[in-house]
C-alpha cells in the first residue's frame, strides 16, 4: 500500500507510479493511491507553506481516506482485528 500526494515535491508520485508499472505480473498487488491535492505532509495538520523547496500542508479529505485505507489494508492482511 502506497499513499502519496500528487503535489508532493519531496517524494514525487511519478517514482511510485513507475514502481507500480514495473511490477511483475506475478508479484503481490501493490496498491497505489495518489491524492490529487495532497502535498508531502497531507495527513499532518500543518499550515500550507514551502520549506527548502518542499511544499508542506494538510489535505483533510486525503487524510481521512488514508486512515481508512491503512485500516482496511491492515485488516485484510490480518494485522488488526476487524471492527477496530
PDB file of N, CA and C in Angstrom:
ATOM      1  N   UNK A   1       0.852  -1.170   0.000  1.00  0.00           N
ATOM      2  CA  UNK A   1       0.000   0.000   0.000  1.00  0.00           C
ATOM      3  C   UNK A   1       0.897   1.231   0.000  1.00  0.00           C
ATOM      4  N   UNK A   2       0.709   2.093  -1.008  1.00  0.00           N
ATOM      5  CA  UNK A   2       1.456   3.339  -1.104  1.00  0.00           C
ATOM      6  C   UNK A   2       0.442   4.469  -1.208  1.00  0.00           C
ATOM      7  N   UNK A   3       0.515   5.403  -0.289  1.00  0.00           N
ATOM      8  CA  UNK A   3      -0.367   6.567  -0.265  1.00  0.00           C
ATOM      9  C   UNK A   3       0.500   7.801  -0.452  1.00  0.00           C
ATOM     10  N   UNK A   4       0.215   8.594  -1.467  1.00  0.00           N
ATOM     11  CA  UNK A   4       1.072   9.739  -1.763  1.00  0.00           C
ATOM     12  C   UNK A   4       0.245  10.866  -2.361  1.00  0.00           C
ATOM     13  N   UNK A   5       0.703  12.077  -2.135  1.00  0.00           N
ATOM     14  CA  UNK A   5       0.028  13.239  -2.691  1.00  0.00           C
ATOM     15  C   UNK A   5       0.592  13.611  -4.051  1.00  0.00           C
ATOM     16  N   UNK A   6      -0.281  13.987  -4.959  1.00  0.00           N
ATOM     17  CA  UNK A   6       0.153  14.423  -6.292  1.00  0.00           C
ATOM     18  C   UNK A   6       1.026  15.670  -6.216  1.00  0.00           C
ATOM     19  N   UNK A   7       0.803  16.499  -5.204  1.00  0.00           N
ATOM     20  CA  UNK A   7       1.569  17.741  -5.038  1.00  0.00           C
ATOM     21  C   UNK A   7       2.809  17.548  -4.171  1.00  0.00           C
ATOM     22  N   UNK A   8       3.216  16.315  -3.955  1.00  0.00           N
ATOM     23  CA  UNK A   8       4.395  16.030  -3.128  1.00  0.00           C
ATOM     24  C   UNK A   8       5.655  16.386  -3.906  1.00  0.00           C
ATOM     25  N   UNK A   9       6.389  17.380  -3.426  1.00  0.00           N
ATOM     26  CA  UNK A   9       7.632  17.786  -4.079  1.00  0.00           C
ATOM     27  C   UNK A   9       8.858  17.148  -3.428  1.00  0.00           C
ATOM     28  N   UNK A  10       8.652  16.419  -2.340  1.00  0.00           N
ATOM     29  CA  UNK A  10       9.751  15.746  -1.646  1.00  0.00           C
ATOM     30  C   UNK A  10       9.966  14.357  -2.252  1.00  0.00           C
ATOM     31  N   UNK A  11       8.904  13.604  -2.352  1.00  0.00           N
ATOM     32  CA  UNK A  11       8.929  12.283  -2.990  1.00  0.00           C
ATOM     33  C   UNK A  11       7.857  12.291  -4.082  1.00  0.00           C
ATOM     34  N   UNK A  12       8.195  12.765  -5.263  1.00  0.00           N
ATOM     35  CA  UNK A  12       7.212  12.900  -6.326  1.00  0.00           C
ATOM     36  C   UNK A  12       6.523  11.568  -6.652  1.00  0.00           C
ATOM     37  N   UNK A  13       5.222  11.619  -6.879  1.00  0.00           N
ATOM     38  CA  UNK A  13       4.470  10.386  -7.117  1.00  0.00           C
ATOM     39  C   UNK A  13       4.890   9.631  -8.369  1.00  0.00           C
ATOM     40  N   UNK A  14       5.563  10.289  -9.294  1.00  0.00           N
ATOM     41  CA  UNK A  14       5.960   9.585 -10.525  1.00  0.00           C
ATOM     42  C   UNK A  14       6.856   8.387 -10.221  1.00  0.00           C
ATOM     43  N   UNK A  15       7.650   8.468  -9.154  1.00  0.00           N
ATOM     44  CA  UNK A  15       8.512   7.338  -8.803  1.00  0.00           C
ATOM     45  C   UNK A  15       7.672   6.145  -8.337  1.00  0.00           C
ATOM     46  N   UNK A  16       6.614   6.418  -7.600  1.00  0.00           N
ATOM     47  CA  UNK A  16       5.715   5.348  -7.151  1.00  0.00           C
ATOM     48  C   UNK A  16       4.947   4.771  -8.334  1.00  0.00           C
ATOM     49  N   UNK A  17       4.544   5.637  -9.250  1.00  0.00           N
ATOM     50  CA  UNK A  17       3.835   5.180 -10.447  1.00  0.00           C
ATOM     51  C   UNK A  17       4.746   4.306 -11.312  1.00  0.00           C
ATOM     52  N   UNK A  18       6.013   4.680 -11.424  1.00  0.00           N
ATOM     53  CA  UNK A  18       6.982   3.875 -12.170  1.00  0.00           C
ATOM     54  C   UNK A  18       7.201   2.522 -11.503  1.00  0.00           C
ATOM     55  N   UNK A  19       7.281   2.529 -10.178  1.00  0.00           N
ATOM     56  CA  UNK A  19       7.462   1.279  -9.436  1.00  0.00           C
ATOM     57  C   UNK A  19       6.278   0.349  -9.680  1.00  0.00           C
ATOM     58  N   UNK A  20       5.061   0.878  -9.627  1.00  0.00           N
ATOM     59  CA  UNK A  20       3.875   0.067  -9.855  1.00  0.00           C
ATOM     60  C   UNK A  20       3.848  -0.463 -11.285  1.00  0.00           C
ATOM     61  N   UNK A  21       4.175   0.381 -12.257  1.00  0.00           N
ATOM     62  CA  UNK A  21       4.167  -0.023 -13.663  1.00  0.00           C
ATOM     63  C   UNK A  21       5.204  -1.109 -13.948  1.00  0.00           C
ATOM     64  N   UNK A  22       6.304  -1.097 -13.209  1.00  0.00           N
ATOM     65  CA  UNK A  22       7.382  -2.066 -13.432  1.00  0.00           C
ATOM     66  C   UNK A  22       7.194  -3.365 -12.668  1.00  0.00           C
ATOM     67  N   UNK A  23       6.141  -3.443 -11.899  1.00  0.00           N
ATOM     68  CA  UNK A  23       5.919  -4.624 -11.075  1.00  0.00           C
ATOM     69  C   UNK A  23       5.620  -5.848 -11.941  1.00  0.00           C
ATOM     70  N   UNK A  24       6.284  -6.969 -11.689  1.00  0.00           N
ATOM     71  CA  UNK A  24       5.988  -8.188 -12.444  1.00  0.00           C
ATOM     72  C   UNK A  24       4.548  -8.653 -12.196  1.00  0.00           C
ATOM     73  N   UNK A  25       3.972  -9.269 -13.191  1.00  0.00           N
ATOM     74  CA  UNK A  25       2.584  -9.728 -13.088  1.00  0.00           C
ATOM     75  C   UNK A  25       2.384 -10.698 -11.918  1.00  0.00           C
ATOM     76  N   UNK A  26       3.393 -11.480 -11.607  1.00  0.00           N
ATOM     77  CA  UNK A  26       3.275 -12.487 -10.544  1.00  0.00           C
ATOM     78  C   UNK A  26       3.512 -11.911  -9.144  1.00  0.00           C
ATOM     79  N   UNK A  27       3.905 -10.667  -9.062  1.00  0.00           N
ATOM     80  CA  UNK A  27       4.186 -10.046  -7.757  1.00  0.00           C
ATOM     81  C   UNK A  27       2.881  -9.779  -7.014  1.00  0.00           C
ATOM     82  N   UNK A  28       2.956  -9.713  -5.685  1.00  0.00           N
ATOM     83  CA  UNK A  28       1.761  -9.339  -4.916  1.00  0.00           C
ATOM     84  C   UNK A  28       1.284  -7.945  -5.335  1.00  0.00           C
ATOM     85  N   UNK A  29       0.000  -7.707  -5.177  1.00  0.00           N
ATOM     86  CA  UNK A  29      -0.571  -6.418  -5.579  1.00  0.00           C
ATOM     87  C   UNK A  29       0.094  -5.267  -4.830  1.00  0.00           C
ATOM     88  N   UNK A  30       0.442  -4.245  -5.578  1.00  0.00           N
ATOM     89  CA  UNK A  30       0.905  -3.007  -4.975  1.00  0.00           C
ATOM     90  C   UNK A  30      -0.223  -2.008  -5.211  1.00  0.00           C
ATOM     91  N   UNK A  31      -0.902  -1.633  -4.149  1.00  0.00           N
ATOM     92  CA  UNK A  31      -1.982  -0.670  -4.270  1.00  0.00           C
ATOM     93  C   UNK A  31      -1.400   0.719  -4.118  1.00  0.00           C
ATOM     94  N   UNK A  32      -1.634   1.552  -5.110  1.00  0.00           N
ATOM     95  CA  UNK A  32      -1.128   2.915  -5.124  1.00  0.00           C
ATOM     96  C   UNK A  32      -2.306   3.872  -5.148  1.00  0.00           C
ATOM     97  N   UNK A  33      -2.347   4.778  -4.168  1.00  0.00           N
ATOM     98  CA  UNK A  33      -3.375   5.810  -4.113  1.00  0.00           C
ATOM     99  C   UNK A  33      -2.658   7.155  -4.167  1.00  0.00           C
ATOM    100  N   UNK A  34      -2.990   7.941  -5.192  1.00  0.00           N
ATOM    101  CA  UNK A  34      -2.404   9.276  -5.345  1.00  0.00           C
ATOM    102  C   UNK A  34      -3.510  10.296  -5.084  1.00  0.00           C
ATOM    103  N   UNK A  35      -3.312  11.107  -4.059  1.00  0.00           N
ATOM    104  CA  UNK A  35      -4.298  12.112  -3.695  1.00  0.00           C
ATOM    105  C   UNK A  35      -4.047  13.374  -4.527  1.00  0.00           C
ATOM    106  N   UNK A  36      -5.042  13.816  -5.311  1.00  0.00           N
ATOM    107  CA  UNK A  36      -4.847  14.894  -6.290  1.00  0.00           C
ATOM    108  C   UNK A  36      -4.276  16.196  -5.741  1.00  0.00           C
ATOM    109  N   UNK A  37      -4.654  16.595  -4.545  1.00  0.00           N
ATOM    110  CA  UNK A  37      -4.193  17.879  -3.990  1.00  0.00           C
ATOM    111  C   UNK A  37      -3.187  17.692  -2.857  1.00  0.00           C
ATOM    112  N   UNK A  38      -2.825  16.469  -2.557  1.00  0.00           N
ATOM    113  CA  UNK A  38      -2.010  16.203  -1.380  1.00  0.00           C
ATOM    114  C   UNK A  38      -0.556  16.600  -1.500  1.00  0.00           C
ATOM    115  N   UNK A  39      -0.074  17.450  -0.584  1.00  0.00           N
ATOM    116  CA  UNK A  39       1.353  17.734  -0.505  1.00  0.00           C
ATOM    117  C   UNK A  39       2.057  16.634   0.308  1.00  0.00           C
ATOM    118  N   UNK A  40       3.323  16.794   0.556  1.00  0.00           N
ATOM    119  CA  UNK A  40       4.121  15.775   1.251  1.00  0.00           C
ATOM    120  C   UNK A  40       3.546  15.412   2.619  1.00  0.00           C
ATOM    121  N   UNK A  41       3.053  16.345   3.343  1.00  0.00           N
ATOM    122  CA  UNK A  41       2.558  16.101   4.707  1.00  0.00           C
ATOM    123  C   UNK A  41       1.031  16.127   4.757  1.00  0.00           C
ATOM    124  N   UNK A  42       0.391  15.532   3.744  1.00  0.00           N
ATOM    125  CA  UNK A  42      -1.066  15.670   3.614  1.00  0.00           C
ATOM    126  C   UNK A  42      -1.846  15.180   4.824  1.00  0.00           C
ATOM    127  N   UNK A  43      -1.277  14.290   5.620  1.00  0.00           N
ATOM    128  CA  UNK A  43      -2.015  13.747   6.768  1.00  0.00           C
ATOM    129  C   UNK A  43      -1.599  14.381   8.102  1.00  0.00           C
ATOM    130  N   UNK A  44      -0.847  15.471   8.037  1.00  0.00           N
ATOM    131  CA  UNK A  44      -0.445  16.190   9.246  1.00  0.00           C
ATOM    132  C   UNK A  44      -1.066  17.577   9.218  1.00  0.00           C
ATOM    133  N   UNK A  45      -1.631  17.998  10.315  1.00  0.00           N
ATOM    134  CA  UNK A  45      -2.301  19.302  10.361  1.00  0.00           C
ATOM    135  C   UNK A  45      -1.278  20.433  10.425  1.00  0.00           C
ATOM    136  N   UNK A  46      -0.651  20.663   9.286  1.00  0.00           N
ATOM    137  CA  UNK A  46       0.343  21.727   9.163  1.00  0.00           C
ATOM    138  C   UNK A  46      -0.206  22.804   8.234  1.00  0.00           C
ATOM    139  N   UNK A  47       0.158  24.044   8.475  1.00  0.00           N
ATOM    140  CA  UNK A  47      -0.260  25.096   7.547  1.00  0.00           C
ATOM    141  C   UNK A  47       0.466  24.926   6.205  1.00  0.00           C
ATOM    142  N   UNK A  48      -0.201  25.337   5.127  1.00  0.00           N
ATOM    143  CA  UNK A  48       0.445  25.297   3.816  1.00  0.00           C
ATOM    144  C   UNK A  48       1.650  26.222   3.827  1.00  0.00           C
ATOM    145  N   UNK A  49       2.784  25.692   3.388  1.00  0.00           N
ATOM    146  CA  UNK A  49       3.998  26.501   3.309  1.00  0.00           C
ATOM    147  C   UNK A  49       5.048  25.750   2.498  1.00  0.00           C
ATOM    148  N   UNK A  50       6.083  26.448   2.127  1.00  0.00           N
ATOM    149  CA  UNK A  50       7.209  25.841   1.423  1.00  0.00           C
ATOM    150  C   UNK A  50       8.451  26.045   2.268  1.00  0.00           C
ATOM    151  N   UNK A  51       9.158  24.952   2.543  1.00  0.00           N
ATOM    152  CA  UNK A  51      10.374  24.974   3.339  1.00  0.00           C
ATOM    153  C   UNK A  51      11.452  24.246   2.541  1.00  0.00           C
ATOM    154  N   UNK A  52      12.546  24.934   2.263  1.00  0.00           N
ATOM    155  CA  UNK A  52      13.641  24.338   1.478  1.00  0.00           C
ATOM    156  C   UNK A  52      13.118  23.700   0.192  1.00  0.00           C
ATOM    157  N   UNK A  53      12.230  24.391  -0.480  1.00  0.00           N
ATOM    158  CA  UNK A  53      11.600  23.970  -1.734  1.00  0.00           C
ATOM    159  C   UNK A  53      10.678  22.766  -1.580  1.00  0.00           C
ATOM    160  N   UNK A  54      10.321  22.425  -0.347  1.00  0.00           N
ATOM    161  CA  UNK A  54       9.382  21.328  -0.096  1.00  0.00           C
ATOM    162  C   UNK A  54       8.015  21.922   0.201  1.00  0.00           C
ATOM    163  N   UNK A  55       7.017  21.533  -0.568  1.00  0.00           N
ATOM    164  CA  UNK A  55       5.661  22.006  -0.302  1.00  0.00           C
ATOM    165  C   UNK A  55       5.070  21.148   0.805  1.00  0.00           C
ATOM    166  N   UNK A  56       4.688  21.795   1.896  1.00  0.00           N
ATOM    167  CA  UNK A  56       4.104  21.114   3.038  1.00  0.00           C
ATOM    168  C   UNK A  56       2.698  21.644   3.248  1.00  0.00           C
ATOM    169  N   UNK A  57       1.844  20.842   3.818  1.00  0.00           N
ATOM    170  CA  UNK A  57       0.483  21.274   4.096  1.00  0.00           C
ATOM    171  C   UNK A  57      -0.397  20.094   4.450  1.00  0.00           C
ATOM    172  N   UNK A  58      -1.668  20.353   4.593  1.00  0.00           N
ATOM    173  CA  UNK A  58      -2.642  19.373   5.056  1.00  0.00           C
ATOM    174  C   UNK A  58      -3.763  19.262   4.041  1.00  0.00           C
ATOM    175  N   UNK A  59      -4.212  18.036   3.805  1.00  0.00           N
ATOM    176  CA  UNK A  59      -5.374  17.786   2.950  1.00  0.00           C
ATOM    177  C   UNK A  59      -6.318  16.911   3.764  1.00  0.00           C
ATOM    178  N   UNK A  60      -7.366  17.520   4.294  1.00  0.00           N
ATOM    179  CA  UNK A  60      -8.280  16.814   5.199  1.00  0.00           C
ATOM    180  C   UNK A  60      -8.920  15.594   4.538  1.00  0.00           C
ATOM    181  N   UNK A  61      -9.368  15.735   3.300  1.00  0.00           N
ATOM    182  CA  UNK A  61     -10.010  14.603   2.610  1.00  0.00           C
ATOM    183  C   UNK A  61      -9.030  13.458   2.420  1.00  0.00           C
ATOM    184  N   UNK A  62      -7.826  13.776   1.986  1.00  0.00           N
ATOM    185  CA  UNK A  62      -6.808  12.745   1.790  1.00  0.00           C
ATOM    186  C   UNK A  62      -6.456  12.080   3.113  1.00  0.00           C
ATOM    187  N   UNK A  63      -6.361  12.856   4.173  1.00  0.00           N
ATOM    188  CA  UNK A  63      -6.026  12.314   5.484  1.00  0.00           C
ATOM    189  C   UNK A  63      -7.065  11.299   5.955  1.00  0.00           C
ATOM    190  N   UNK A  64      -8.333  11.663   5.816  1.00  0.00           N
ATOM    191  CA  UNK A  64      -9.410  10.749   6.230  1.00  0.00           C
ATOM    192  C   UNK A  64      -9.363   9.470   5.400  1.00  0.00           C
ATOM    193  N   UNK A  65      -9.198   9.623   4.083  1.00  0.00           N
ATOM    194  CA  UNK A  65      -9.157   8.432   3.231  1.00  0.00           C
ATOM    195  C   UNK A  65      -7.925   7.586   3.512  1.00  0.00           C
ATOM    196  N   UNK A  66      -6.789   8.219   3.747  1.00  0.00           N
ATOM    197  CA  UNK A  66      -5.560   7.470   4.018  1.00  0.00           C
ATOM    198  C   UNK A  66      -5.705   6.620   5.277  1.00  0.00           C
ATOM    199  N   UNK A  67      -6.300   7.179   6.303  1.00  0.00           N
ATOM    200  CA  UNK A  67      -6.505   6.405   7.536  1.00  0.00           C
ATOM    201  C   UNK A  67      -7.423   5.210   7.272  1.00  0.00           C
ATOM    202  N   UNK A  68      -8.464   5.438   6.464  1.00  0.00           N
ATOM    203  CA  UNK A  68      -9.371   4.349   6.102  1.00  0.00           C
ATOM    204  C   UNK A  68      -8.620   3.276   5.295  1.00  0.00           C
ATOM    205  N   UNK A  69      -7.798   3.710   4.373  1.00  0.00           N
ATOM    206  CA  UNK A  69      -7.019   2.782   3.542  1.00  0.00           C
ATOM    207  C   UNK A  69      -6.075   1.928   4.394  1.00  0.00           C
ATOM    208  N   UNK A  70      -5.414   2.559   5.356  1.00  0.00           N
ATOM    209  CA  UNK A  70      -4.470   1.832   6.210  1.00  0.00           C
ATOM    210  C   UNK A  70      -5.195   0.794   7.062  1.00  0.00           C
ATOM    211  N   UNK A  71      -6.304   1.172   7.664  1.00  0.00           N
ATOM    212  CA  UNK A  71      -7.069   0.226   8.491  1.00  0.00           C
ATOM    213  C   UNK A  71      -7.565  -0.934   7.630  1.00  0.00           C
ATOM    214  N   UNK A  72      -8.076  -0.650   6.452  1.00  0.00           N
ATOM    215  CA  UNK A  72      -8.561  -1.708   5.555  1.00  0.00           C
ATOM    216  C   UNK A  72      -7.421  -2.635   5.151  1.00  0.00           C
ATOM    217  N   UNK A  73      -6.254  -2.074   4.849  1.00  0.00           N
ATOM    218  CA  UNK A  73      -5.090  -2.873   4.462  1.00  0.00           C
ATOM    219  C   UNK A  73      -4.645  -3.779   5.611  1.00  0.00           C
ATOM    220  N   UNK A  74      -4.506  -3.197   6.800  1.00  0.00           N
ATOM    221  CA  UNK A  74      -4.065  -3.989   7.956  1.00  0.00           C
ATOM    222  C   UNK A  74      -5.084  -5.069   8.320  1.00  0.00           C
ATOM    223  N   UNK A  75      -6.355  -4.753   8.217  1.00  0.00           N
ATOM    224  CA  UNK A  75      -7.396  -5.731   8.486  1.00  0.00           C
ATOM    225  C   UNK A  75      -7.355  -6.854   7.461  1.00  0.00           C
ATOM    226  N   UNK A  76      -7.248  -6.507   6.184  1.00  0.00           N
ATOM    227  CA  UNK A  76      -7.220  -7.507   5.102  1.00  0.00           C
ATOM    228  C   UNK A  76      -6.042  -8.456   5.242  1.00  0.00           C
ATOM    229  N   UNK A  77      -4.956  -7.974   5.813  1.00  0.00           N
ATOM    230  CA  UNK A  77      -3.767  -8.818   5.984  1.00  0.00           C
ATOM    231  C   UNK A  77      -3.661  -9.438   7.380  1.00  0.00           C
ATOM    232  N   UNK A  78      -4.744  -9.345   8.133  1.00  0.00           N
ATOM    233  CA  UNK A  78      -4.789  -9.993   9.443  1.00  0.00           C
ATOM    234  C   UNK A  78      -3.908  -9.357  10.487  1.00  0.00           C
ATOM    235  N   UNK A  79      -3.530  -8.119  10.291  1.00  0.00           N
ATOM    236  CA  UNK A  79      -2.641  -7.474  11.239  1.00  0.00           C
ATOM    237  C   UNK A  79      -3.386  -6.745  12.344  1.00  0.00           C
ATOM    238  N   UNK A  80      -4.647  -6.445  12.118  1.00  0.00           N
ATOM    239  CA  UNK A  80      -5.535  -5.938  13.177  1.00  0.00           C
ATOM    240  C   UNK A  80      -6.888  -6.604  12.990  1.00  0.00           C
ATOM    241  N   UNK A  81      -7.614  -6.712  14.091  1.00  0.00           N
ATOM    242  CA  UNK A  81      -8.927  -7.339  14.030  1.00  0.00           C
ATOM    243  C   UNK A  81      -9.929  -6.367  13.415  1.00  0.00           C
ATOM    244  N   UNK A  82     -10.855  -6.901  12.630  1.00  0.00           N
ATOM    245  CA  UNK A  82     -11.885  -6.032  12.049  1.00  0.00           C
ATOM    246  C   UNK A  82     -12.748  -5.443  13.143  1.00  0.00           C
ATOM    247  N   UNK A  83     -13.272  -4.263  12.913  1.00  0.00           N
ATOM    248  CA  UNK A  83     -14.090  -3.589  13.897  1.00  0.00           C
ATOM    249  C   UNK A  83     -13.315  -2.665  14.800  1.00  0.00           C
ATOM    250  N   UNK A  84     -12.019  -2.572  14.616  1.00  0.00           N
ATOM    251  CA  UNK A  84     -11.194  -1.669  15.432  1.00  0.00           C
ATOM    252  C   UNK A  84     -11.244  -0.282  14.930  1.00  0.00           C
TER     253      UNK A  84
END
